C-alpha atoms as a PDB file:
ATOM      1  CA  MET A   1      82.218 154.149 188.270  1.00  0.00           C
ATOM      2  CA  LEU A   2      85.885 152.631 190.400  1.00  0.00           C
ATOM      3  CA  SER A   3      86.838 149.371 187.894  1.00  0.00           C
ATOM      4  CA  ILE A   4      90.136 147.180 188.587  1.00  0.00           C
ATOM      5  CA  PHE A   5      90.279 147.392 185.162  1.00  0.00           C
ATOM      6  CA  GLN A   6      89.734 150.780 184.465  1.00  0.00           C
ATOM      7  CA  LYS A   7      92.760 152.432 183.405  1.00  0.00           C
ATOM      8  CA  LYS A   8      90.695 155.676 184.807  1.00  0.00           C
ATOM      9  CA  ILE A   9      89.256 156.269 187.771  1.00  0.00           C
ATOM     10  CA  PHE A  10      87.231 159.017 188.281  1.00  0.00           C
ATOM     11  CA  LEU A  11      86.931 161.944 191.437  1.00  0.00           C
ATOM     12  CA  VAL A  12      84.052 161.696 192.444  1.00  0.00           C
ATOM     13  CA  ASP A  13      84.966 158.378 193.662  1.00  0.00           C
ATOM     14  CA  LEU A  14      87.355 158.942 196.343  1.00  0.00           C
ATOM     15  CA  LEU A  15      85.594 162.059 197.298  1.00  0.00           C
ATOM     16  CA  GLU A  16      83.142 159.727 199.915  1.00  0.00           C
ATOM     17  CA  GLY A  17      83.143 161.708 203.704  1.00  0.00           C
ATOM     18  CA  PHE A  18      84.772 164.730 202.359  1.00  0.00           C
ATOM     19  CA  THR A  19      83.801 168.489 203.088  1.00  0.00           C
ATOM     20  CA  ASP A  20      83.632 170.232 200.140  1.00  0.00           C
ATOM     21  CA  PHE A  21      84.594 174.669 201.882  1.00  0.00           C
ATOM     22  CA  HIS A  22      84.981 176.264 199.079  1.00  0.00           C
ATOM     23  CA  ASN A  23      81.840 176.764 197.370  1.00  0.00           C
ATOM     24  CA  HIS A  24      78.963 179.232 196.265  1.00  0.00           C
ATOM     25  CA  LEU A  25      75.706 178.371 197.937  1.00  0.00           C
ATOM     26  CA  LEU A  26      74.043 181.321 199.916  1.00  0.00           C
ATOM     27  CA  PRO A  27      71.465 182.071 197.121  1.00  0.00           C
ATOM     28  CA  GLY A  28      71.507 186.220 196.446  1.00  0.00           C
ATOM     29  CA  ILE A  29      74.618 187.442 197.567  1.00  0.00           C
ATOM     30  CA  ASP A  30      77.235 187.082 195.663  1.00  0.00           C
ATOM     31  CA  ASP A  31      77.928 185.401 191.857  1.00  0.00           C
ATOM     32  CA  GLY A  32      76.818 182.523 192.850  1.00  0.00           C
ATOM     33  CA  ALA A  33      73.586 180.567 193.461  1.00  0.00           C
ATOM     34  CA  SER A  34      70.754 182.418 192.562  1.00  0.00           C
ATOM     35  CA  ASN A  35      67.849 181.302 194.137  1.00  0.00           C
ATOM     36  CA  THR A  36      67.166 178.663 197.071  1.00  0.00           C
ATOM     37  CA  GLU A  37      66.058 175.822 194.411  1.00  0.00           C
ATOM     38  CA  ASP A  38      69.602 176.245 192.570  1.00  0.00           C
ATOM     39  CA  ALA A  39      71.250 175.899 195.816  1.00  0.00           C
ATOM     40  CA  ILE A  40      69.166 172.819 196.403  1.00  0.00           C
ATOM     41  CA  ALA A  41      70.125 171.105 193.292  1.00  0.00           C
ATOM     42  CA  MET A  42      73.921 171.909 193.724  1.00  0.00           C
ATOM     43  CA  ILE A  43      73.556 170.025 196.971  1.00  0.00           C
ATOM     44  CA  GLU A  44      71.518 167.399 195.369  1.00  0.00           C
ATOM     45  CA  LYS A  45      74.336 166.671 193.168  1.00  0.00           C
ATOM     46  CA  PHE A  46      76.389 167.162 195.677  1.00  0.00           C
ATOM     47  CA  ASN A  47      75.051 164.412 197.628  1.00  0.00           C
ATOM     48  CA  GLN A  48      75.821 161.473 194.067  1.00  0.00           C
ATOM     49  CA  PHE A  49      79.503 162.141 194.645  1.00  0.00           C
ATOM     50  CA  GLY A  50      79.092 161.107 198.445  1.00  0.00           C
ATOM     51  CA  ILE A  51      79.871 165.246 199.899  1.00  0.00           C
ATOM     52  CA  THR A  52      76.524 165.824 202.900  1.00  0.00           C
ATOM     53  CA  ASP A  53      79.163 168.669 204.508  1.00  0.00           C
ATOM     54  CA  PHE A  54      79.056 172.302 203.175  1.00  0.00           C
ATOM     55  CA  VAL A  55      81.306 175.197 203.784  1.00  0.00           C
ATOM     56  CA  ALA A  56      79.649 177.561 202.248  1.00  0.00           C
ATOM     57  CA  SER A  57      82.173 180.647 201.259  1.00  0.00           C
ATOM     58  CA  PRO A  58      80.905 183.715 199.879  1.00  0.00           C
ATOM     59  CA  HIS A  59      82.636 186.800 197.990  1.00  0.00           C
ATOM     60  CA  ILE A  60      83.838 189.326 200.790  1.00  0.00           C
ATOM     61  CA  MET A  61      85.764 192.463 198.436  1.00  0.00           C
ATOM     62  CA  GLY A  62      85.306 195.067 199.743  1.00  0.00           C
ATOM     63  CA  GLU A  63      83.937 196.730 196.163  1.00  0.00           C
ATOM     64  CA  PHE A  64      81.621 193.749 194.935  1.00  0.00           C
ATOM     65  CA  TYR A  65      80.696 191.940 197.613  1.00  0.00           C
ATOM     66  CA  PRO A  66      81.251 194.354 201.690  1.00  0.00           C
ATOM     67  CA  ASN A  67      79.331 190.778 202.604  1.00  0.00           C
ATOM     68  CA  THR A  68      79.351 190.626 206.602  1.00  0.00           C
ATOM     69  CA  PRO A  69      78.362 188.095 209.147  1.00  0.00           C
ATOM     70  CA  GLU A  70      75.301 190.141 208.705  1.00  0.00           C
ATOM     71  CA  THR A  71      74.769 189.327 205.171  1.00  0.00           C
ATOM     72  CA  ILE A  72      75.886 186.025 205.373  1.00  0.00           C
ATOM     73  CA  TYR A  73      74.125 184.394 208.112  1.00  0.00           C
ATOM     74  CA  PRO A  74      70.585 185.785 206.891  1.00  0.00           C
ATOM     75  CA  ALA A  75      71.097 183.254 203.524  1.00  0.00           C
ATOM     76  CA  LEU A  76      72.386 180.623 205.488  1.00  0.00           C
ATOM     77  CA  GLU A  77      69.837 180.030 207.914  1.00  0.00           C
ATOM     78  CA  LYS A  78      67.706 180.540 204.467  1.00  0.00           C
ATOM     79  CA  LEU A  79      69.214 177.656 203.380  1.00  0.00           C
ATOM     80  CA  LYS A  80      69.438 175.209 205.999  1.00  0.00           C
ATOM     81  CA  LYS A  81      65.900 175.691 206.075  1.00  0.00           C
ATOM     82  CA  ALA A  82      65.689 173.829 202.496  1.00  0.00           C
ATOM     83  CA  LEU A  83      68.372 171.897 203.352  1.00  0.00           C
ATOM     84  CA  PRO A  84      67.519 167.843 202.381  1.00  0.00           C
ATOM     85  CA  LYS A  85      68.204 165.374 205.315  1.00  0.00           C
ATOM     86  CA  GLY A  86      71.703 164.186 206.253  1.00  0.00           C
ATOM     87  CA  ASN A  87      73.614 167.343 205.180  1.00  0.00           C
ATOM     88  CA  SER A  88      75.392 169.643 207.023  1.00  0.00           C
ATOM     89  CA  LEU A  89      75.604 173.712 206.362  1.00  0.00           C
ATOM     90  CA  LYS A  90      78.092 176.210 208.240  1.00  0.00           C
ATOM     91  CA  ALA A  91      79.499 179.610 206.894  1.00  0.00           C
ATOM     92  CA  ALA A  92      82.678 180.958 206.470  1.00  0.00           C
ATOM     93  CA  GLY A  93      83.725 183.572 203.482  1.00  0.00           C
ATOM     94  CA  GLU A  94      86.141 183.834 200.627  1.00  0.00           C
ATOM     95  CA  TYR A  95      88.010 186.267 201.218  1.00  0.00           C
ATOM     96  CA  MET A  96      89.925 189.437 199.188  1.00  0.00           C
ATOM     97  CA  MET A  97      92.873 190.370 200.731  1.00  0.00           C
ATOM     98  CA  ASP A  98      91.940 193.592 200.474  1.00  0.00           C
ATOM     99  CA  HIS A  99      91.178 196.940 202.984  1.00  0.00           C
ATOM    100  CA  PHE A 100      87.997 195.674 204.045  1.00  0.00           C
ATOM    101  CA  LEU A 101      89.393 192.602 205.306  1.00  0.00           C
ATOM    102  CA  ILE A 102      91.552 194.100 206.951  1.00  0.00           C
ATOM    103  CA  GLU A 103      88.247 196.200 208.444  1.00  0.00           C
ATOM    104  CA  GLN A 104      86.555 192.645 208.960  1.00  0.00           C
ATOM    105  CA  MET A 105      89.681 191.853 211.151  1.00  0.00           C
ATOM    106  CA  GLU A 106      90.164 194.414 213.154  1.00  0.00           C
ATOM    107  CA  LYS A 107      86.167 194.401 213.716  1.00  0.00           C
ATOM    108  CA  GLU A 108      87.032 190.714 214.586  1.00  0.00           C
ATOM    109  CA  ASN A 109      84.016 190.282 211.774  1.00  0.00           C
ATOM    110  CA  VAL A 110      86.231 187.056 209.926  1.00  0.00           C
ATOM    111  CA  LEU A 111      84.493 184.272 209.059  1.00  0.00           C
ATOM    112  CA  ASN A 112      86.822 180.742 209.287  1.00  0.00           C
ATOM    113  CA  VAL A 113      86.758 177.619 207.653  1.00  0.00           C
ATOM    114  CA  VAL A 114      87.791 175.872 210.579  1.00  0.00           C
ATOM    115  CA  GLU A 115      89.129 176.949 213.476  1.00  0.00           C
ATOM    116  CA  ASN A 116      91.498 179.831 212.403  1.00  0.00           C
ATOM    117  CA  HIS A 117      91.365 179.323 209.046  1.00  0.00           C
ATOM    118  CA  VAL A 118      90.533 181.504 206.773  1.00  0.00           C
ATOM    119  CA  LEU A 119      89.898 181.045 202.854  1.00  0.00           C
ATOM    120  CA  VAL A 120      91.595 184.017 200.659  1.00  0.00           C
ATOM    121  CA  GLU A 121      91.870 185.277 197.162  1.00  0.00           C
ATOM    122  CA  MET A 122      93.698 187.973 194.980  1.00  0.00           C
ATOM    123  CA  SER A 123      92.896 189.606 192.061  1.00  0.00           C
ATOM    124  CA  TYR A 124      92.973 187.845 188.790  1.00  0.00           C
ATOM    125  CA  PHE A 125      94.853 190.432 187.293  1.00  0.00           C
ATOM    126  CA  GLN A 126      97.892 191.589 189.601  1.00  0.00           C
ATOM    127  CA  ALA A 127      98.759 190.589 193.596  1.00  0.00           C
ATOM    128  CA  PRO A 128      98.159 193.495 196.361  1.00  0.00           C
ATOM    129  CA  ILE A 129     101.139 195.834 196.318  1.00  0.00           C
ATOM    130  CA  ASN A 130     100.591 194.982 199.472  1.00  0.00           C
ATOM    131  CA  LEU A 131     100.352 192.154 200.461  1.00  0.00           C
ATOM    132  CA  ALA A 132     102.800 190.864 202.369  1.00  0.00           C
ATOM    133  CA  GLU A 133     101.568 193.850 204.716  1.00  0.00           C
ATOM    134  CA  ILE A 134      98.005 192.071 204.407  1.00  0.00           C
ATOM    135  CA  LEU A 135     100.085 187.833 205.260  1.00  0.00           C
ATOM    136  CA  PHE A 136     101.708 189.046 208.892  1.00  0.00           C
ATOM    137  CA  LYS A 137      98.471 191.053 209.369  1.00  0.00           C
ATOM    138  CA  ILE A 138      96.113 188.334 209.026  1.00  0.00           C
ATOM    139  CA  GLN A 139      99.089 185.747 211.271  1.00  0.00           C
ATOM    140  CA  ASN A 140      99.071 188.041 213.840  1.00  0.00           C
ATOM    141  CA  ARG A 141      95.446 188.122 214.169  1.00  0.00           C
ATOM    142  CA  ASN A 142      96.335 184.691 214.959  1.00  0.00           C
ATOM    143  CA  LEU A 143      94.917 183.541 211.576  1.00  0.00           C
ATOM    144  CA  LYS A 144      95.787 181.018 209.744  1.00  0.00           C
ATOM    145  CA  PRO A 145      95.355 181.649 205.942  1.00  0.00           C
ATOM    146  CA  ILE A 146      95.014 179.175 203.488  1.00  0.00           C
ATOM    147  CA  LEU A 147      95.027 181.265 199.234  1.00  0.00           C
ATOM    148  CA  ALA A 148      92.052 179.280 197.136  1.00  0.00           C
ATOM    149  CA  HIS A 149      93.002 178.404 193.823  1.00  0.00           C
ATOM    150  CA  PRO A 150      96.837 179.806 193.568  1.00  0.00           C
ATOM    151  CA  GLU A 151      96.927 177.683 190.019  1.00  0.00           C
ATOM    152  CA  ARG A 152      94.670 180.515 188.755  1.00  0.00           C
ATOM    153  CA  TYR A 153      96.706 183.358 189.012  1.00  0.00           C
ATOM    154  CA  ALA A 154      99.034 183.729 185.537  1.00  0.00           C
ATOM    155  CA  PHE A 155     101.126 186.703 187.298  1.00  0.00           C
ATOM    156  CA  PHE A 156     101.978 183.723 189.501  1.00  0.00           C
ATOM    157  CA  HIS A 157     103.123 181.439 186.883  1.00  0.00           C
ATOM    158  CA  GLY A 158     106.613 180.440 185.545  1.00  0.00           C
ATOM    159  CA  SER A 159     108.268 177.489 185.311  1.00  0.00           C
ATOM    160  CA  ASN A 160     110.648 177.562 188.675  1.00  0.00           C
ATOM    161  CA  LEU A 161     107.116 178.277 191.200  1.00  0.00           C
ATOM    162  CA  ASN A 162     109.161 180.349 193.153  1.00  0.00           C
ATOM    163  CA  LYS A 163     106.690 183.271 193.693  1.00  0.00           C
ATOM    164  CA  TYR A 164     104.177 180.647 195.214  1.00  0.00           C
ATOM    165  CA  GLU A 165     107.276 179.129 196.883  1.00  0.00           C
ATOM    166  CA  ASP A 166     107.795 182.464 198.964  1.00  0.00           C
ATOM    167  CA  LEU A 167     104.108 182.712 199.145  1.00  0.00           C
ATOM    168  CA  LYS A 168     104.503 178.692 200.786  1.00  0.00           C
ATOM    169  CA  ALA A 169     107.222 180.887 203.249  1.00  0.00           C
ATOM    170  CA  ARG A 170     105.327 183.267 203.978  1.00  0.00           C
ATOM    171  CA  GLY A 171     102.958 180.754 205.911  1.00  0.00           C
ATOM    172  CA  CYS A 172      99.939 180.458 202.912  1.00  0.00           C
ATOM    173  CA  SER A 173      97.999 176.884 202.422  1.00  0.00           C
ATOM    174  CA  PHE A 174      97.448 176.078 198.910  1.00  0.00           C
ATOM    175  CA  GLN A 175      93.474 175.372 198.091  1.00  0.00           C
ATOM    176  CA  MET A 176      93.183 173.837 194.361  1.00  0.00           C
ATOM    177  CA  ASN A 177      89.741 174.281 192.660  1.00  0.00           C
ATOM    178  CA  MET A 178      88.987 170.409 191.759  1.00  0.00           C
ATOM    179  CA  LEU A 179      87.834 171.846 187.774  1.00  0.00           C
ATOM    180  CA  SER A 180      91.785 172.488 187.693  1.00  0.00           C
ATOM    181  CA  LEU A 181      92.504 169.572 186.742  1.00  0.00           C
ATOM    182  CA  THR A 182      90.654 170.486 183.439  1.00  0.00           C
ATOM    183  CA  PRO A 183      91.430 172.624 181.353  1.00  0.00           C
ATOM    184  CA  HIS A 184      88.027 174.768 182.297  1.00  0.00           C
ATOM    185  CA  TYR A 185      89.813 178.038 183.357  1.00  0.00           C
ATOM    186  CA  GLY A 186      92.657 178.011 180.820  1.00  0.00           C
ATOM    187  CA  ILE A 187      95.445 175.573 179.743  1.00  0.00           C
ATOM    188  CA  ALA A 188      97.492 177.579 181.636  1.00  0.00           C
ATOM    189  CA  MET A 189      95.883 176.847 185.020  1.00  0.00           C
ATOM    190  CA  GLN A 190      95.292 173.008 184.450  1.00  0.00           C
ATOM    191  CA  LYS A 191      99.782 172.699 183.267  1.00  0.00           C
ATOM    192  CA  THR A 192     100.540 174.979 187.213  1.00  0.00           C
ATOM    193  CA  ALA A 193      97.747 172.770 188.926  1.00  0.00           C
ATOM    194  CA  HIS A 194      99.692 169.708 188.019  1.00  0.00           C
ATOM    195  CA  GLN A 195     103.172 171.068 188.366  1.00  0.00           C
ATOM    196  CA  LEU A 196     101.645 173.069 192.206  1.00  0.00           C
ATOM    197  CA  LEU A 197     100.690 169.076 192.186  1.00  0.00           C
ATOM    198  CA  GLU A 198     104.340 167.184 191.873  1.00  0.00           C
ATOM    199  CA  LYS A 199     106.162 169.952 194.180  1.00  0.00           C
ATOM    200  CA  GLY A 200     103.559 168.888 196.708  1.00  0.00           C
ATOM    201  CA  MET A 201     102.818 172.022 197.278  1.00  0.00           C
ATOM    202  CA  ILE A 202      98.286 171.492 197.347  1.00  0.00           C
ATOM    203  CA  ASP A 203      97.397 170.999 200.586  1.00  0.00           C
ATOM    204  CA  PHE A 204      94.315 171.185 200.262  1.00  0.00           C
ATOM    205  CA  ILE A 205      91.022 170.510 196.971  1.00  0.00           C
ATOM    206  CA  SER A 206      87.734 171.746 197.172  1.00  0.00           C
ATOM    207  CA  SER A 207      84.880 172.575 193.913  1.00  0.00           C
ATOM    208  CA  ASP A 208      84.485 176.292 193.740  1.00  0.00           C
ATOM    209  CA  ALA A 209      81.213 175.433 192.328  1.00  0.00           C
ATOM    210  CA  HIS A 210      79.019 178.340 191.627  1.00  0.00           C
ATOM    211  CA  ARG A 211      76.428 176.050 190.077  1.00  0.00           C
ATOM    212  CA  LEU A 212      75.150 172.884 189.279  1.00  0.00           C
ATOM    213  CA  ALA A 213      76.680 173.466 185.880  1.00  0.00           C
ATOM    214  CA  HIS A 214      80.440 172.751 187.295  1.00  0.00           C
ATOM    215  CA  LEU A 215      79.417 169.601 189.653  1.00  0.00           C
ATOM    216  CA  GLU A 216      78.590 167.962 186.039  1.00  0.00           C
ATOM    217  CA  LYS A 217      81.660 169.181 184.901  1.00  0.00           C
ATOM    218  CA  ILE A 218      83.505 167.752 187.861  1.00  0.00           C
ATOM    219  CA  GLU A 219      81.548 164.717 188.022  1.00  0.00           C
ATOM    220  CA  LYS A 220      83.348 164.000 184.218  1.00  0.00           C
ATOM    221  CA  ILE A 221      87.055 164.258 185.944  1.00  0.00           C
ATOM    222  CA  LYS A 222      88.954 161.239 184.955  1.00  0.00           C
ATOM    223  CA  LEU A 223      92.586 161.271 186.657  1.00  0.00           C
ATOM    224  CA  LYS A 224      94.731 158.988 184.952  1.00  0.00           C
ATOM    225  CA  LYS A 225      96.991 156.580 187.108  1.00  0.00           C
ATOM    226  CA  ASN A 226     100.175 158.717 187.761  1.00  0.00           C
ATOM    227  CA  GLN A 227      98.012 161.786 188.929  1.00  0.00           C
ATOM    228  CA  LEU A 228      96.049 159.480 191.295  1.00  0.00           C
ATOM    229  CA  PRO A 229      98.596 159.201 194.943  1.00  0.00           C
ATOM    230  CA  LEU A 230      98.823 163.252 193.622  1.00  0.00           C
ATOM    231  CA  ILE A 231      95.566 163.791 194.197  1.00  0.00           C
ATOM    232  CA  GLU A 232      94.843 160.971 196.591  1.00  0.00           C
ATOM    233  CA  PRO A 233      96.776 162.984 199.833  1.00  0.00           C
ATOM    234  CA  ILE A 234      95.050 166.481 199.129  1.00  0.00           C
ATOM    235  CA  ILE A 235      91.605 164.414 199.863  1.00  0.00           C
ATOM    236  CA  GLU A 236      92.493 162.858 202.697  1.00  0.00           C
ATOM    237  CA  LYS A 237      94.048 166.149 204.023  1.00  0.00           C
ATOM    238  CA  SER A 238      91.365 167.963 203.156  1.00  0.00           C
ATOM    239  CA  LYS A 239      89.269 166.047 204.451  1.00  0.00           C
ATOM    240  CA  THR A 240      91.352 165.738 208.484  1.00  0.00           C
ATOM    241  CA  LEU A 241      91.028 169.448 208.002  1.00  0.00           C
ATOM    242  CA  PHE A 242      87.734 168.539 209.701  1.00  0.00           C
ATOM    243  CA  ARG A 243      87.683 165.679 212.140  1.00  0.00           C
END
């Protein structure tokens, strides 16, 4: 795919040796892969991108997906038994910032992405009323929050990005979804993703793939020349997170 004569290059051409740490590969425990066969099909598509290392991050939210290590590890072990040779798979979680997360932290049940980095998210309708308090409690546990797909929270959108700057000041790293480089989630999300990239506010990138169709869309993402210098450092930082 990659050629010096192309005006655009494919995102996947930059992903060799990349660890995808936001995905929904574990079968049957959230709205991601339904079964092992679907998960393996996704992994095989990832392999075509040069990605063989994964941290599965199922949704963890008290009301809908009250996952804990007791539900996650059996799904992990089941998938690992079917894992194609040469692939590595670990498990963490994508934690809704709600009371269930606070309970899990108190029980020391939180599954981190790597070291003390924990992947967190918010509702797409509104931020938690006690967001500042939750972030304080996360960091008081010596955890570093990585906010999943900040570009998708419409209530934070705005030309001055001041709400995002406040989150960064409160110690959040930002993880952008690959598909946010396209209109997949909506034009407003794509625009905000680009604004955050231009401001140097995105720290990491990951797939957030729930199904094979998402990866088939990621495979087609082309980068413009002005996007390349914005994306390459983020991909490299994402790789460095696991070195």
